[in-house]
Amino acid sequence: MSLSRTLPVHRTAVDPAGAHYASAFTAPVAGLPPLPPDAWARIVFEEAPVALQRCLYAAWRGGLGLRLGPRSARRHVLGWPITATAPDSITLEARSPLLTARNVLCVGGSFVTWSTFVHVTGRTGRAVWAVAAPLHHQAVPLLLKRATRKAATRA
């Protein structure tokens, strides 16, 4: 069995830091080419199949009402504004009248970790995120696993 097929993605503990929702998923990257956090973020979102990219973008804008930028702009990752960068992390943050969502991708040691923090606004925001959260919980591990397989092909 190839290395790219055996790389599991696990949910990991994360400090919610005041968020109403927080999740984190970790994937092993030992043996893969070293990539900076922005490259990982782009592989996760921008190298997903085009149909999936369109579905994600439509759900973020239409379902969550997030204010996203151009999908191909350099200071954005599939529309998500890059709000912070560091040698080992990148932060993508978008807002809507319903919620603020922050995705933080960290590369450290032999793992890449995708953490999401959501602050909801009001009952409607809470209700919308209650529907979106299970989908998010399914999508992020799948996207991370796909990204590790893509990264393995770059070796």
N, C-alpha and C. Protein backbone atom coordinates (compact mmCIF):
# COMPACT_ATOMS: atom_id res chain seq x y z
N MET A 1 0.85 -1.18 0.00
CA MET A 1 0.00 0.00 0.00
C MET A 1 0.89 1.24 0.00
N SER A 2 0.55 2.22 -0.79
CA SER A 2 1.38 3.42 -0.90
C SER A 2 1.23 4.31 0.32
N LEU A 3 2.25 5.13 0.55
CA LEU A 3 2.24 6.06 1.67
C LEU A 3 1.02 6.97 1.63
N SER A 4 0.67 7.46 0.44
CA SER A 4 -0.43 8.42 0.34
C SER A 4 -1.78 7.80 0.70
N ARG A 5 -1.91 6.50 0.62
CA ARG A 5 -3.18 5.86 0.97
C ARG A 5 -3.29 5.57 2.47
N THR A 6 -2.18 5.59 3.19
CA THR A 6 -2.22 5.21 4.59
C THR A 6 -2.19 6.40 5.54
N LEU A 7 -2.21 7.61 5.03
CA LEU A 7 -2.13 8.78 5.89
C LEU A 7 -3.49 9.10 6.48
N PRO A 8 -3.68 8.85 7.77
CA PRO A 8 -4.98 9.13 8.39
C PRO A 8 -5.11 10.60 8.78
N VAL A 9 -6.34 11.05 8.87
CA VAL A 9 -6.64 12.39 9.37
C VAL A 9 -7.43 12.17 10.66
N HIS A 10 -6.98 12.82 11.73
CA HIS A 10 -7.61 12.64 13.03
C HIS A 10 -8.12 13.96 13.57
N ARG A 11 -9.24 13.89 14.26
CA ARG A 11 -9.70 15.06 14.99
C ARG A 11 -8.79 15.20 16.20
N THR A 12 -8.46 16.43 16.52
CA THR A 12 -7.58 16.69 17.64
C THR A 12 -8.19 17.77 18.53
N ALA A 13 -7.75 17.83 19.76
CA ALA A 13 -8.27 18.84 20.69
C ALA A 13 -7.78 20.23 20.29
N VAL A 14 -8.64 21.20 20.51
CA VAL A 14 -8.30 22.59 20.19
C VAL A 14 -8.93 23.48 21.25
N ASP A 15 -8.20 24.51 21.64
CA ASP A 15 -8.74 25.49 22.58
C ASP A 15 -9.71 26.38 21.82
N PRO A 16 -10.98 26.47 22.24
CA PRO A 16 -11.94 27.26 21.48
C PRO A 16 -11.67 28.76 21.49
N ALA A 17 -10.83 29.24 22.39
CA ALA A 17 -10.45 30.66 22.44
C ALA A 17 -11.66 31.58 22.33
N GLY A 18 -12.73 31.24 23.01
CA GLY A 18 -13.92 32.08 23.02
C GLY A 18 -14.88 31.84 21.87
N ALA A 19 -14.55 30.94 20.97
CA ALA A 19 -15.43 30.66 19.83
C ALA A 19 -16.63 29.82 20.29
N HIS A 20 -17.73 29.96 19.56
CA HIS A 20 -18.90 29.13 19.83
C HIS A 20 -18.70 27.71 19.31
N TYR A 21 -17.85 27.57 18.30
CA TYR A 21 -17.53 26.27 17.71
C TYR A 21 -16.05 26.26 17.41
N ALA A 22 -15.39 25.18 17.74
CA ALA A 22 -13.98 25.01 17.40
C ALA A 22 -13.74 23.55 17.08
N SER A 23 -12.99 23.32 16.02
CA SER A 23 -12.59 21.95 15.68
C SER A 23 -11.19 22.00 15.10
N ALA A 24 -10.51 20.87 15.18
CA ALA A 24 -9.19 20.77 14.58
C ALA A 24 -8.99 19.35 14.08
N PHE A 25 -8.36 19.26 12.92
CA PHE A 25 -8.03 17.98 12.32
C PHE A 25 -6.56 17.98 11.96
N THR A 26 -5.89 16.87 12.22
CA THR A 26 -4.46 16.77 12.00
C THR A 26 -4.17 15.62 11.04
N ALA A 27 -3.25 15.88 10.13
CA ALA A 27 -2.82 14.85 9.18
C ALA A 27 -1.29 14.74 9.26
N PRO A 28 -0.77 13.52 9.24
CA PRO A 28 0.69 13.36 9.24
C PRO A 28 1.27 13.74 7.88
N VAL A 29 2.41 14.41 7.91
CA VAL A 29 3.08 14.82 6.67
C VAL A 29 4.53 14.34 6.62
N ALA A 30 4.93 13.51 7.58
CA ALA A 30 6.29 12.97 7.56
C ALA A 30 6.50 12.21 6.26
N GLY A 31 7.62 12.46 5.63
CA GLY A 31 7.92 11.80 4.36
C GLY A 31 7.38 12.52 3.15
N LEU A 32 6.59 13.56 3.35
CA LEU A 32 6.08 14.34 2.24
C LEU A 32 7.00 15.53 2.00
N PRO A 33 6.97 16.10 0.81
CA PRO A 33 7.80 17.29 0.57
C PRO A 33 7.41 18.41 1.53
N PRO A 34 8.38 19.13 2.07
CA PRO A 34 8.03 20.23 2.97
C PRO A 34 7.34 21.35 2.19
N LEU A 35 6.20 21.77 2.70
CA LEU A 35 5.42 22.83 2.06
C LEU A 35 5.08 23.88 3.10
N PRO A 36 5.10 25.15 2.72
CA PRO A 36 4.69 26.20 3.65
C PRO A 36 3.18 26.17 3.86
N PRO A 37 2.71 26.81 4.92
CA PRO A 37 1.27 26.79 5.22
C PRO A 37 0.38 27.29 4.09
N ASP A 38 0.80 28.35 3.39
CA ASP A 38 -0.05 28.86 2.31
C ASP A 38 -0.19 27.84 1.19
N ALA A 39 0.87 27.08 0.93
CA ALA A 39 0.78 26.03 -0.10
C ALA A 39 -0.20 24.95 0.34
N TRP A 40 -0.17 24.58 1.62
CA TRP A 40 -1.13 23.60 2.11
C TRP A 40 -2.56 24.11 1.98
N ALA A 41 -2.79 25.37 2.36
CA ALA A 41 -4.14 25.93 2.25
C ALA A 41 -4.63 25.90 0.81
N ARG A 42 -3.74 26.23 -0.11
CA ARG A 42 -4.12 26.23 -1.53
C ARG A 42 -4.37 24.81 -2.04
N ILE A 43 -3.57 23.85 -1.59
CA ILE A 43 -3.82 22.46 -2.01
C ILE A 43 -5.18 22.01 -1.49
N VAL A 44 -5.46 22.32 -0.22
CA VAL A 44 -6.73 21.88 0.39
C VAL A 44 -7.92 22.43 -0.39
N PHE A 45 -7.96 23.73 -0.64
CA PHE A 45 -9.13 24.34 -1.27
C PHE A 45 -9.01 24.47 -2.78
N GLU A 46 -7.91 24.99 -3.27
CA GLU A 46 -7.81 25.35 -4.69
C GLU A 46 -7.43 24.18 -5.59
N GLU A 47 -6.96 23.09 -5.03
CA GLU A 47 -6.66 21.92 -5.85
C GLU A 47 -7.69 20.82 -5.66
N ALA A 48 -8.77 21.13 -4.98
CA ALA A 48 -9.91 20.21 -4.93
C ALA A 48 -10.54 20.19 -6.32
N PRO A 49 -11.29 19.17 -6.64
CA PRO A 49 -11.97 19.15 -7.93
C PRO A 49 -12.81 20.42 -8.12
N VAL A 50 -12.88 20.90 -9.34
CA VAL A 50 -13.57 22.16 -9.64
C VAL A 50 -15.03 22.12 -9.17
N ALA A 51 -15.70 21.01 -9.36
CA ALA A 51 -17.10 20.91 -8.93
C ALA A 51 -17.20 21.07 -7.41
N LEU A 52 -16.26 20.50 -6.68
CA LEU A 52 -16.26 20.63 -5.23
C LEU A 52 -15.94 22.06 -4.81
N GLN A 53 -15.00 22.69 -5.50
CA GLN A 53 -14.69 24.10 -5.21
C GLN A 53 -15.94 24.96 -5.38
N ARG A 54 -16.66 24.74 -6.44
CA ARG A 54 -17.87 25.52 -6.70
C ARG A 54 -18.93 25.28 -5.62
N CYS A 55 -19.08 24.04 -5.19
CA CYS A 55 -20.04 23.72 -4.13
C CYS A 55 -19.64 24.40 -2.82
N LEU A 56 -18.35 24.31 -2.47
CA LEU A 56 -17.88 24.94 -1.25
C LEU A 56 -18.13 26.44 -1.29
N TYR A 57 -17.72 27.07 -2.40
CA TYR A 57 -17.86 28.51 -2.54
C TYR A 57 -19.33 28.93 -2.45
N ALA A 58 -20.20 28.17 -3.11
CA ALA A 58 -21.64 28.47 -3.07
C ALA A 58 -22.20 28.31 -1.66
N ALA A 59 -21.77 27.29 -0.94
CA ALA A 59 -22.25 27.07 0.43
C ALA A 59 -21.75 28.18 1.36
N TRP A 60 -20.50 28.56 1.20
CA TRP A 60 -19.94 29.63 2.04
C TRP A 60 -20.67 30.94 1.80
N ARG A 61 -20.87 31.27 0.52
CA ARG A 61 -21.51 32.56 0.20
C ARG A 61 -23.01 32.50 0.39
N GLY A 62 -23.64 31.48 -0.21
CA GLY A 62 -25.10 31.40 -0.17
C GLY A 62 -25.65 30.91 1.15
N GLY A 63 -25.07 29.83 1.67
CA GLY A 63 -25.58 29.25 2.91
C GLY A 63 -25.18 30.02 4.16
N LEU A 64 -23.90 30.38 4.24
CA LEU A 64 -23.39 31.08 5.42
C LEU A 64 -23.36 32.59 5.25
N GLY A 65 -23.49 33.05 4.00
CA GLY A 65 -23.46 34.48 3.73
C GLY A 65 -22.09 35.13 3.88
N LEU A 66 -21.03 34.32 3.84
CA LEU A 66 -19.68 34.87 4.03
C LEU A 66 -19.31 35.83 2.91
N ARG A 67 -18.66 36.90 3.29
CA ARG A 67 -18.14 37.87 2.33
C ARG A 67 -16.76 37.39 1.90
N LEU A 68 -16.70 36.86 0.72
CA LEU A 68 -15.45 36.33 0.19
C LEU A 68 -14.95 37.19 -0.94
N GLY A 69 -13.66 37.12 -1.17
CA GLY A 69 -13.06 37.85 -2.27
C GLY A 69 -13.02 37.00 -3.52
N PRO A 70 -12.30 37.49 -4.52
CA PRO A 70 -12.16 36.72 -5.76
C PRO A 70 -11.50 35.37 -5.49
N ARG A 71 -11.99 34.35 -6.13
CA ARG A 71 -11.46 33.01 -5.90
C ARG A 71 -10.01 32.87 -6.33
N SER A 72 -9.58 33.66 -7.29
CA SER A 72 -8.21 33.50 -7.80
C SER A 72 -7.26 34.60 -7.33
N ALA A 73 -7.70 35.49 -6.46
CA ALA A 73 -6.83 36.58 -6.00
C ALA A 73 -5.71 36.03 -5.12
N ARG A 74 -4.54 36.57 -5.25
CA ARG A 74 -3.35 36.09 -4.54
C ARG A 74 -3.47 36.24 -3.02
N ARG A 75 -4.15 37.27 -2.53
CA ARG A 75 -4.31 37.48 -1.08
C ARG A 75 -5.54 36.75 -0.54
N HIS A 76 -6.05 35.82 -1.32
CA HIS A 76 -7.19 35.00 -0.91
C HIS A 76 -6.88 33.55 -1.23
N VAL A 77 -7.55 32.65 -0.53
CA VAL A 77 -7.47 31.22 -0.84
C VAL A 77 -8.90 30.78 -1.11
N LEU A 78 -9.21 30.53 -2.36
CA LEU A 78 -10.56 30.22 -2.83
C LEU A 78 -11.57 31.21 -2.24
N GLY A 79 -11.20 32.49 -2.29
CA GLY A 79 -12.08 33.55 -1.83
C GLY A 79 -11.88 33.97 -0.38
N TRP A 80 -11.30 33.10 0.43
CA TRP A 80 -11.08 33.42 1.85
C TRP A 80 -9.94 34.42 1.97
N PRO A 81 -10.17 35.58 2.58
CA PRO A 81 -9.08 36.53 2.80
C PRO A 81 -8.01 35.96 3.74
N ILE A 82 -6.76 36.14 3.37
CA ILE A 82 -5.65 35.77 4.24
C ILE A 82 -5.49 36.92 5.23
N THR A 83 -5.70 36.65 6.51
CA THR A 83 -5.64 37.71 7.51
C THR A 83 -4.36 37.68 8.33
N ALA A 84 -3.62 36.58 8.30
CA ALA A 84 -2.35 36.50 9.03
C ALA A 84 -1.52 35.38 8.44
N THR A 85 -0.22 35.60 8.44
CA THR A 85 0.72 34.56 8.03
C THR A 85 1.90 34.55 8.99
N ALA A 86 2.48 33.39 9.15
CA ALA A 86 3.68 33.20 9.94
C ALA A 86 4.44 32.07 9.27
N PRO A 87 5.68 31.85 9.64
CA PRO A 87 6.42 30.76 8.99
C PRO A 87 5.75 29.40 9.12
N ASP A 88 4.99 29.20 10.20
CA ASP A 88 4.38 27.89 10.40
C ASP A 88 2.85 27.90 10.35
N SER A 89 2.23 29.04 9.97
CA SER A 89 0.76 29.07 9.94
C SER A 89 0.23 30.12 8.97
N ILE A 90 -1.03 29.92 8.61
CA ILE A 90 -1.77 30.89 7.81
C ILE A 90 -3.19 30.93 8.38
N THR A 91 -3.75 32.14 8.42
CA THR A 91 -5.11 32.31 8.93
C THR A 91 -5.98 32.90 7.82
N LEU A 92 -7.11 32.25 7.61
CA LEU A 92 -8.11 32.71 6.65
C LEU A 92 -9.34 33.08 7.47
N GLU A 93 -9.89 34.27 7.24
CA GLU A 93 -11.05 34.69 8.03
C GLU A 93 -12.06 35.38 7.14
N ALA A 94 -13.33 35.01 7.35
CA ALA A 94 -14.42 35.64 6.60
C ALA A 94 -15.58 35.89 7.55
N ARG A 95 -16.35 36.93 7.22
CA ARG A 95 -17.47 37.34 8.06
C ARG A 95 -18.77 37.38 7.25
N SER A 96 -19.84 37.26 7.99
CA SER A 96 -21.17 37.47 7.43
C SER A 96 -22.02 38.07 8.54
N PRO A 97 -23.24 38.50 8.24
CA PRO A 97 -24.11 38.97 9.32
C PRO A 97 -24.45 37.86 10.32
N LEU A 98 -24.24 36.60 9.93
CA LEU A 98 -24.60 35.46 10.77
C LEU A 98 -23.46 34.95 11.63
N LEU A 99 -22.22 35.10 11.14
CA LEU A 99 -21.10 34.51 11.85
C LEU A 99 -19.77 35.03 11.33
N THR A 100 -18.74 34.77 12.10
CA THR A 100 -17.36 34.99 11.67
C THR A 100 -16.67 33.64 11.76
N ALA A 101 -16.01 33.26 10.67
CA ALA A 101 -15.31 31.98 10.62
C ALA A 101 -13.83 32.22 10.39
N ARG A 102 -13.01 31.52 11.16
CA ARG A 102 -11.56 31.63 11.02
C ARG A 102 -10.99 30.23 10.87
N ASN A 103 -10.23 30.02 9.81
CA ASN A 103 -9.52 28.76 9.58
C ASN A 103 -8.04 29.04 9.77
N VAL A 104 -7.40 28.23 10.61
CA VAL A 104 -5.98 28.38 10.87
C VAL A 104 -5.30 27.07 10.50
N LEU A 105 -4.38 27.14 9.55
CA LEU A 105 -3.64 25.97 9.13
C LEU A 105 -2.22 26.11 9.67
N CYS A 106 -1.79 25.12 10.45
CA CYS A 106 -0.45 25.12 11.04
C CYS A 106 0.34 23.91 10.55
N VAL A 107 1.57 24.16 10.21
CA VAL A 107 2.49 23.09 9.83
C VAL A 107 3.55 23.02 10.91
N GLY A 108 3.65 21.89 11.55
CA GLY A 108 4.63 21.76 12.62
C GLY A 108 5.11 20.33 12.74
N GLY A 109 6.41 20.18 12.76
CA GLY A 109 6.96 18.84 12.89
C GLY A 109 6.51 17.96 11.75
N SER A 110 5.88 16.88 12.09
CA SER A 110 5.45 15.93 11.06
C SER A 110 3.94 15.94 10.86
N PHE A 111 3.29 17.07 11.20
CA PHE A 111 1.84 17.16 11.06
C PHE A 111 1.42 18.49 10.45
N VAL A 112 0.27 18.47 9.79
CA VAL A 112 -0.42 19.68 9.38
C VAL A 112 -1.77 19.65 10.10
N THR A 113 -2.14 20.79 10.69
CA THR A 113 -3.38 20.86 11.47
C THR A 113 -4.25 21.98 10.92
N TRP A 114 -5.51 21.64 10.68
CA TRP A 114 -6.51 22.61 10.21
C TRP A 114 -7.48 22.84 11.36
N SER A 115 -7.49 24.06 11.90
CA SER A 115 -8.40 24.41 12.99
C SER A 115 -9.41 25.42 12.48
N THR A 116 -10.64 25.29 12.94
CA THR A 116 -11.71 26.21 12.57
C THR A 116 -12.35 26.75 13.83
N PHE A 117 -12.56 28.06 13.84
CA PHE A 117 -13.20 28.74 14.96
C PHE A 117 -14.36 29.55 14.39
N VAL A 118 -15.53 29.37 14.97
CA VAL A 118 -16.72 30.08 14.49
C VAL A 118 -17.36 30.82 15.64
N HIS A 119 -17.60 32.11 15.43
CA HIS A 119 -18.34 32.95 16.35
C HIS A 119 -19.67 33.26 15.67
N VAL A 120 -20.78 32.82 16.27
CA VAL A 120 -22.09 33.05 15.67
C VAL A 120 -22.71 34.33 16.19
N THR A 121 -23.62 34.90 15.38
CA THR A 121 -24.33 36.11 15.76
C THR A 121 -25.82 35.79 15.82
N GLY A 122 -26.38 35.84 16.99
CA GLY A 122 -27.83 35.67 17.16
C GLY A 122 -28.33 34.25 16.93
N ARG A 123 -29.64 34.14 17.05
CA ARG A 123 -30.29 32.83 16.90
C ARG A 123 -30.19 32.30 15.48
N THR A 124 -30.34 33.20 14.52
CA THR A 124 -30.28 32.75 13.13
C THR A 124 -28.89 32.21 12.81
N GLY A 125 -27.86 32.92 13.25
CA GLY A 125 -26.50 32.45 13.04
C GLY A 125 -26.27 31.10 13.70
N ARG A 126 -26.78 30.95 14.91
CA ARG A 126 -26.63 29.68 15.62
C ARG A 126 -27.33 28.55 14.86
N ALA A 127 -28.53 28.82 14.35
CA ALA A 127 -29.30 27.81 13.61
C ALA A 127 -28.61 27.43 12.31
N VAL A 128 -28.12 28.44 11.60
CA VAL A 128 -27.43 28.17 10.34
C VAL A 128 -26.17 27.34 10.59
N TRP A 129 -25.40 27.71 11.61
CA TRP A 129 -24.17 26.95 11.87
C TRP A 129 -24.49 25.54 12.36
N ALA A 130 -25.60 25.36 13.07
CA ALA A 130 -25.99 24.02 13.52
C ALA A 130 -26.19 23.08 12.33
N VAL A 131 -26.67 23.62 11.22
CA VAL A 131 -26.84 22.82 10.00
C VAL A 131 -25.49 22.63 9.30
N ALA A 132 -24.67 23.68 9.27
CA ALA A 132 -23.40 23.64 8.55
C ALA A 132 -22.32 22.84 9.27
N ALA A 133 -22.31 22.85 10.59
CA ALA A 133 -21.23 22.22 11.36
C ALA A 133 -21.01 20.74 11.02
N PRO A 134 -22.06 19.92 10.94
CA PRO A 134 -21.81 18.52 10.60
C PRO A 134 -21.19 18.35 9.20
N LEU A 135 -21.58 19.22 8.27
CA LEU A 135 -21.00 19.15 6.93
C LEU A 135 -19.52 19.56 6.98
N HIS A 136 -19.23 20.59 7.74
CA HIS A 136 -17.85 21.03 7.93
C HIS A 136 -17.02 19.90 8.54
N HIS A 137 -17.58 19.26 9.54
CA HIS A 137 -16.90 18.18 10.25
C HIS A 137 -16.59 17.00 9.32
N GLN A 138 -17.38 16.82 8.28
CA GLN A 138 -17.13 15.76 7.29
C GLN A 138 -16.16 16.23 6.21
N ALA A 139 -16.30 17.49 5.79
CA ALA A 139 -15.53 17.99 4.64
C ALA A 139 -14.05 18.21 4.95
N VAL A 140 -13.73 18.79 6.09
CA VAL A 140 -12.33 19.12 6.37
C VAL A 140 -11.43 17.88 6.38
N PRO A 141 -11.79 16.79 7.06
CA PRO A 141 -10.91 15.62 7.00
C PRO A 141 -10.74 15.08 5.58
N LEU A 142 -11.82 15.09 4.80
CA LEU A 142 -11.72 14.61 3.42
C LEU A 142 -10.79 15.51 2.60
N LEU A 143 -10.93 16.82 2.76
CA LEU A 143 -10.08 17.75 2.03
C LEU A 143 -8.62 17.62 2.45
N LEU A 144 -8.37 17.44 3.75
CA LEU A 144 -7.00 17.27 4.23
C LEU A 144 -6.38 15.98 3.71
N LYS A 145 -7.14 14.92 3.74
CA LYS A 145 -6.62 13.64 3.25
C LYS A 145 -6.30 13.75 1.76
N ARG A 146 -7.18 14.38 1.02
CA ARG A 146 -6.93 14.58 -0.41
C ARG A 146 -5.67 15.42 -0.63
N ALA A 147 -5.49 16.44 0.20
CA ALA A 147 -4.31 17.30 0.09
C ALA A 147 -3.03 16.53 0.37
N THR A 148 -3.05 15.63 1.36
CA THR A 148 -1.83 14.85 1.63
C THR A 148 -1.50 13.93 0.47
N ARG A 149 -2.53 13.38 -0.18
CA ARG A 149 -2.28 12.55 -1.36
C ARG A 149 -1.68 13.40 -2.49
N LYS A 150 -2.22 14.61 -2.68
CA LYS A 150 -1.68 15.52 -3.71
C LYS A 150 -0.22 15.86 -3.40
N ALA A 151 0.06 16.19 -2.14
CA ALA A 151 1.42 16.56 -1.74
C ALA A 151 2.38 15.38 -1.95
N ALA A 152 1.90 14.16 -1.73
CA ALA A 152 2.75 12.99 -1.92
C ALA A 152 3.19 12.83 -3.38
N THR A 153 2.37 13.29 -4.29
CA THR A 153 2.73 13.16 -5.71
C THR A 153 3.80 14.18 -6.11
N ARG A 154 4.06 15.15 -5.24
CA ARG A 154 5.08 16.17 -5.55
C ARG A 154 6.46 15.76 -5.09
N ALA A 155 6.57 14.61 -4.46
CA ALA A 155 7.87 14.15 -3.96
C ALA A 155 8.84 13.84 -5.08
